[in-house]
Protein backbone atom coordinates (compact mmCIF):
# COMPACT_ATOMS: atom_id res chain seq x y z
CA UNK A 1 -0.05 0.15 0.16
CA UNK A 2 1.91 3.02 -1.14
CA UNK A 3 1.02 7.01 -0.55
CA UNK A 4 -0.81 8.74 -3.76
CA UNK A 5 -0.13 11.91 -2.62
CA UNK A 6 -1.07 14.23 0.25
CA UNK A 7 -4.08 16.72 0.89
CA UNK A 8 -4.26 20.25 0.72
CA UNK A 9 -4.88 20.00 4.94
CA UNK A 10 -1.69 17.62 4.47
CA UNK A 11 -3.55 13.81 5.25
CA UNK A 12 -2.06 11.42 2.98
CA UNK A 13 -3.76 9.40 0.45
CA UNK A 14 -3.00 5.59 0.17
CA UNK A 15 -3.73 2.70 -2.78
CA UNK A 16 -6.04 0.87 -1.98
CA UNK A 17 -8.05 2.30 0.67
CA UNK A 18 -9.40 5.92 1.49
CA UNK A 19 -7.31 8.06 4.56
CA UNK A 20 -10.15 10.91 5.23
CA UNK A 21 -8.83 14.23 5.34
CA UNK A 22 -10.42 16.52 8.08
CA UNK A 23 -12.42 18.31 5.88
CA UNK A 24 -13.86 15.27 4.53
CA UNK A 25 -14.73 14.31 8.11
CA UNK A 26 -15.90 17.74 8.85
CA UNK A 27 -18.25 18.34 5.58
CA UNK A 28 -19.33 14.21 6.38
CA UNK A 29 -20.27 15.42 9.88
CA UNK A 30 -22.02 18.81 9.23
CA UNK A 31 -24.42 18.10 6.74
CA UNK A 32 -25.73 14.28 6.17
CA UNK A 33 -25.21 14.04 2.19
CA UNK A 34 -25.77 10.27 2.29
CA UNK A 35 -28.67 9.91 4.25
CA UNK A 36 -30.66 12.35 1.67
CA UNK A 37 -29.32 10.29 -1.54
CA UNK A 38 -31.87 7.31 -2.30
CA UNK A 39 -31.08 3.94 -2.92
CA UNK A 40 -32.79 2.37 -5.93
CA UNK A 41 -32.67 -1.84 -6.02
CA UNK A 42 -32.13 -3.79 -8.92
CA UNK A 43 -31.67 -0.74 -11.34
CA UNK A 44 -30.59 -0.34 -13.98
CA UNK A 45 -30.34 -4.20 -13.72
CA UNK A 46 -30.81 -6.80 -10.71
CA UNK A 47 -28.43 -6.81 -8.16
CA UNK A 48 -27.52 -3.12 -8.73
CA UNK A 49 -28.29 -0.61 -6.28
CA UNK A 50 -28.80 2.83 -7.70
CA UNK A 51 -27.36 6.07 -5.96
CA UNK A 52 -30.00 8.38 -6.72
CA UNK A 53 -28.46 12.09 -6.20
CA UNK A 54 -31.29 13.64 -7.34
CA UNK A 55 -33.22 14.23 -4.09
CA UNK A 56 -30.33 15.32 -2.25
CA UNK A 57 -29.58 18.05 -5.61
CA UNK A 58 -33.59 19.08 -5.21
CA UNK A 59 -33.26 20.28 -1.64
CA UNK A 60 -32.08 23.78 -1.72
CA UNK A 61 -29.74 22.84 1.37
CA UNK A 62 -28.42 19.82 -0.13
CA UNK A 63 -27.00 21.74 -3.28
CA UNK A 64 -25.75 24.13 -1.23
CA UNK A 65 -23.93 22.01 0.92
CA UNK A 66 -22.45 20.14 -1.91
CA UNK A 67 -21.28 22.78 -3.79
CA UNK A 68 -20.01 24.66 -1.20
CA UNK A 69 -18.10 21.59 0.43
CA UNK A 70 -16.04 21.26 -2.49
CA UNK A 71 -15.47 24.88 -3.25
CA UNK A 72 -14.75 24.96 0.05
CA UNK A 73 -12.13 22.09 0.01
CA UNK A 74 -10.35 23.82 -2.58
CA UNK A 75 -10.63 26.94 -2.35
CA UNK A 76 -6.88 27.64 -1.06
CA UNK A 77 -5.24 25.81 -4.48
CA UNK A 78 -5.40 28.62 -7.01
CA UNK A 79 -8.33 27.05 -8.92
CA UNK A 80 -8.03 28.78 -12.27
CA UNK A 81 -10.44 26.39 -14.40
CA UNK A 82 -12.78 23.51 -13.36
CA UNK A 83 -13.44 20.79 -15.75
CA UNK A 84 -16.60 18.80 -15.55
CA UNK A 85 -17.50 15.87 -17.84
CA UNK A 86 -20.96 15.74 -19.68
CA UNK A 87 -23.40 15.30 -18.44
CA UNK A 88 -23.57 15.08 -14.71
CA UNK A 89 -20.43 16.87 -14.42
CA UNK A 90 -21.85 19.69 -15.57
CA UNK A 91 -24.58 20.04 -12.59
CA UNK A 92 -21.77 19.89 -10.15
CA UNK A 93 -18.70 21.47 -11.36
CA UNK A 94 -20.21 24.55 -12.77
CA UNK A 95 -21.54 26.03 -9.85
CA UNK A 96 -17.96 24.82 -8.21
CA UNK A 97 -16.34 26.76 -10.48
CA UNK A 98 -18.37 30.05 -10.24
CA UNK A 99 -18.21 29.59 -6.28
CA UNK A 100 -14.35 29.44 -6.39
CA UNK A 101 -14.35 32.82 -9.28
CA UNK A 102 -12.90 30.31 -11.97
CA UNK A 103 -13.79 29.05 -15.31
CA UNK A 104 -15.62 26.21 -16.56
CA UNK A 105 -14.56 23.67 -18.98
CA UNK A 106 -16.79 21.30 -20.41
CA UNK A 107 -15.19 17.82 -21.38
CA UNK A 108 -17.99 16.46 -23.49
CA UNK A 109 -18.90 13.35 -25.90
CA UNK A 110 -17.36 13.43 -29.30
CA UNK A 111 -18.75 15.65 -32.27
CA UNK A 112 -20.66 18.18 -29.47
CA UNK A 113 -17.68 20.78 -29.73
CA UNK A 114 -17.31 23.05 -32.61
CA UNK A 115 -13.38 24.00 -32.67
CA UNK A 116 -10.68 22.03 -32.78
CA UNK A 117 -10.46 19.58 -29.63
CA UNK A 118 -8.06 17.52 -28.49
CA UNK A 119 -9.93 13.62 -27.11
CA UNK A 120 -9.16 10.81 -24.87
CA UNK A 121 -10.35 7.63 -24.83
CA UNK A 122 -11.08 5.45 -21.62
CA UNK A 123 -12.65 1.94 -21.08
CA UNK A 124 -16.16 1.02 -20.39
CA UNK A 125 -17.64 -2.44 -18.85
CA UNK A 126 -18.26 -3.28 -22.55
CA UNK A 127 -16.13 -1.30 -24.93
CA UNK A 128 -14.94 2.40 -24.90
CA UNK A 129 -15.98 5.72 -24.72
CA UNK A 130 -14.52 9.11 -25.62
CA UNK A 131 -14.22 12.85 -24.13
CA UNK A 132 -13.15 16.20 -25.78
CA UNK A 133 -12.47 19.34 -24.78
CA UNK A 134 -11.28 22.97 -26.83
CA UNK A 135 -7.42 23.14 -27.45
CA UNK A 136 -7.99 26.53 -26.33
CA UNK A 137 -10.05 25.70 -23.22
CA UNK A 138 -6.42 25.52 -21.06
CA UNK A 139 -3.29 26.69 -20.77
CA UNK A 140 0.35 26.34 -18.75
CA UNK A 141 -0.96 28.58 -16.79
CA UNK A 142 -4.02 27.42 -15.27
CA UNK A 143 -4.57 25.29 -12.26
CA UNK A 144 -7.33 23.16 -12.92
CA UNK A 145 -9.79 21.29 -10.58
CA UNK A 146 -11.90 17.73 -12.06
CA UNK A 147 -15.18 18.03 -10.81
CA UNK A 148 -18.01 15.27 -11.24
CA UNK A 149 -21.26 13.69 -8.93
CA UNK A 150 -19.55 10.11 -8.78
CA UNK A 151 -16.06 8.41 -9.55
CA UNK A 152 -16.60 4.53 -9.92
CA UNK A 153 -13.80 3.09 -11.70
CA UNK A 154 -11.90 6.00 -12.41
CA UNK A 155 -11.71 6.13 -16.17
CA UNK A 156 -13.47 9.09 -16.67
CA UNK A 157 -11.53 11.20 -14.40
CA UNK A 158 -8.17 9.27 -15.77
CA UNK A 159 -9.44 10.51 -19.63
CA UNK A 160 -10.03 14.38 -18.29
CA UNK A 161 -6.63 14.17 -16.00
CA UNK A 162 -4.92 13.38 -19.51
CA UNK A 163 -6.42 16.11 -21.65
CA UNK A 164 -5.76 18.46 -18.76
CA UNK A 165 -2.19 17.12 -19.16
CA UNK A 166 -1.72 17.25 -22.91
CA UNK A 167 -2.96 20.87 -22.96
CA UNK A 168 -0.28 21.61 -20.60
CA UNK A 169 -2.17 23.12 -17.27
CA UNK A 170 -1.57 21.64 -13.91
CA UNK A 171 -4.11 19.34 -12.17
CA UNK A 172 -4.59 20.14 -8.59
CA UNK A 173 -7.32 18.17 -7.62
CA UNK A 174 -10.96 16.02 -8.19
CA UNK A 175 -13.63 16.67 -6.36
CA UNK A 176 -17.13 14.15 -6.27
CA UNK A 177 -20.16 14.35 -4.64
CA UNK A 178 -20.11 10.32 -3.83
CA UNK A 179 -16.94 7.69 -4.43
CA UNK A 180 -17.89 4.37 -4.70
CA UNK A 181 -14.69 2.81 -2.92
CA UNK A 182 -15.37 -1.02 -3.29
CA UNK A 183 -14.59 -0.08 -7.09
CA UNK A 184 -10.75 1.01 -5.82
CA UNK A 185 -11.12 4.36 -8.18
CA UNK A 186 -7.95 5.58 -6.39
CA UNK A 187 -5.79 3.23 -7.59
CA UNK A 188 -6.86 3.46 -11.18
CA UNK A 189 -6.40 7.56 -10.89
CA UNK A 190 -3.02 7.14 -9.10
CA UNK A 191 -1.50 6.04 -12.10
CA UNK A 192 -2.55 8.83 -14.26
CA UNK A 193 -1.72 11.56 -11.97
CA UNK A 194 -0.94 12.56 -7.86
CA UNK A 195 -3.40 15.29 -7.89
CA UNK A 196 -5.88 14.82 -4.76
CA UNK A 197 -8.87 13.07 -4.81
CA UNK A 198 -11.81 14.35 -2.26
CA UNK A 199 -15.37 12.87 -1.94
CA UNK A 200 -17.78 13.75 0.13
CA UNK A 201 -19.67 10.65 0.47
CA UNK A 202 -17.98 7.04 0.36
CA UNK A 203 -19.63 3.78 -0.43
CA UNK A 204 -17.87 0.52 0.54
């Protein structure tokens, strides 16, 4: 088990396990994020428990607490741009960018952006998919935060990290509403970047 980086508050992050930072523990205690997320059994297929975050985000207090918690955690990181993946990354990423006084960069599915793009493919359970961002969306002066509603296997996050690297920007961290710890996404992410990974809800 190797150290894969340190949180902004100095907490070490490890392969194969989660060492919650002081801020993660504080936010989990201050607002019951998990209690406002609804479990949907046998969706989208038998044996799967789907975590429905819409019951959290529909409540003004829940939506505000989510955005505030992620933004507050990275407020001292010097973030200039937030990257969010289509489509649920837009719901969380754009308001986090606003809160941080940063720009927002959408990472979109192929063919959705009108100008020159960089593209990165990633593995799915069956086949592959790709994300694209405009080539002029980031440069070497940018400090970037990836934000999404969920990190599962880490494939989408790693694809975005590669795109950010290709454009010469610095990836400072990744902020998620929910992390599926049992899929070990930090192991995949650690192979691509030493940026901090922060999540408000952990699913064992």
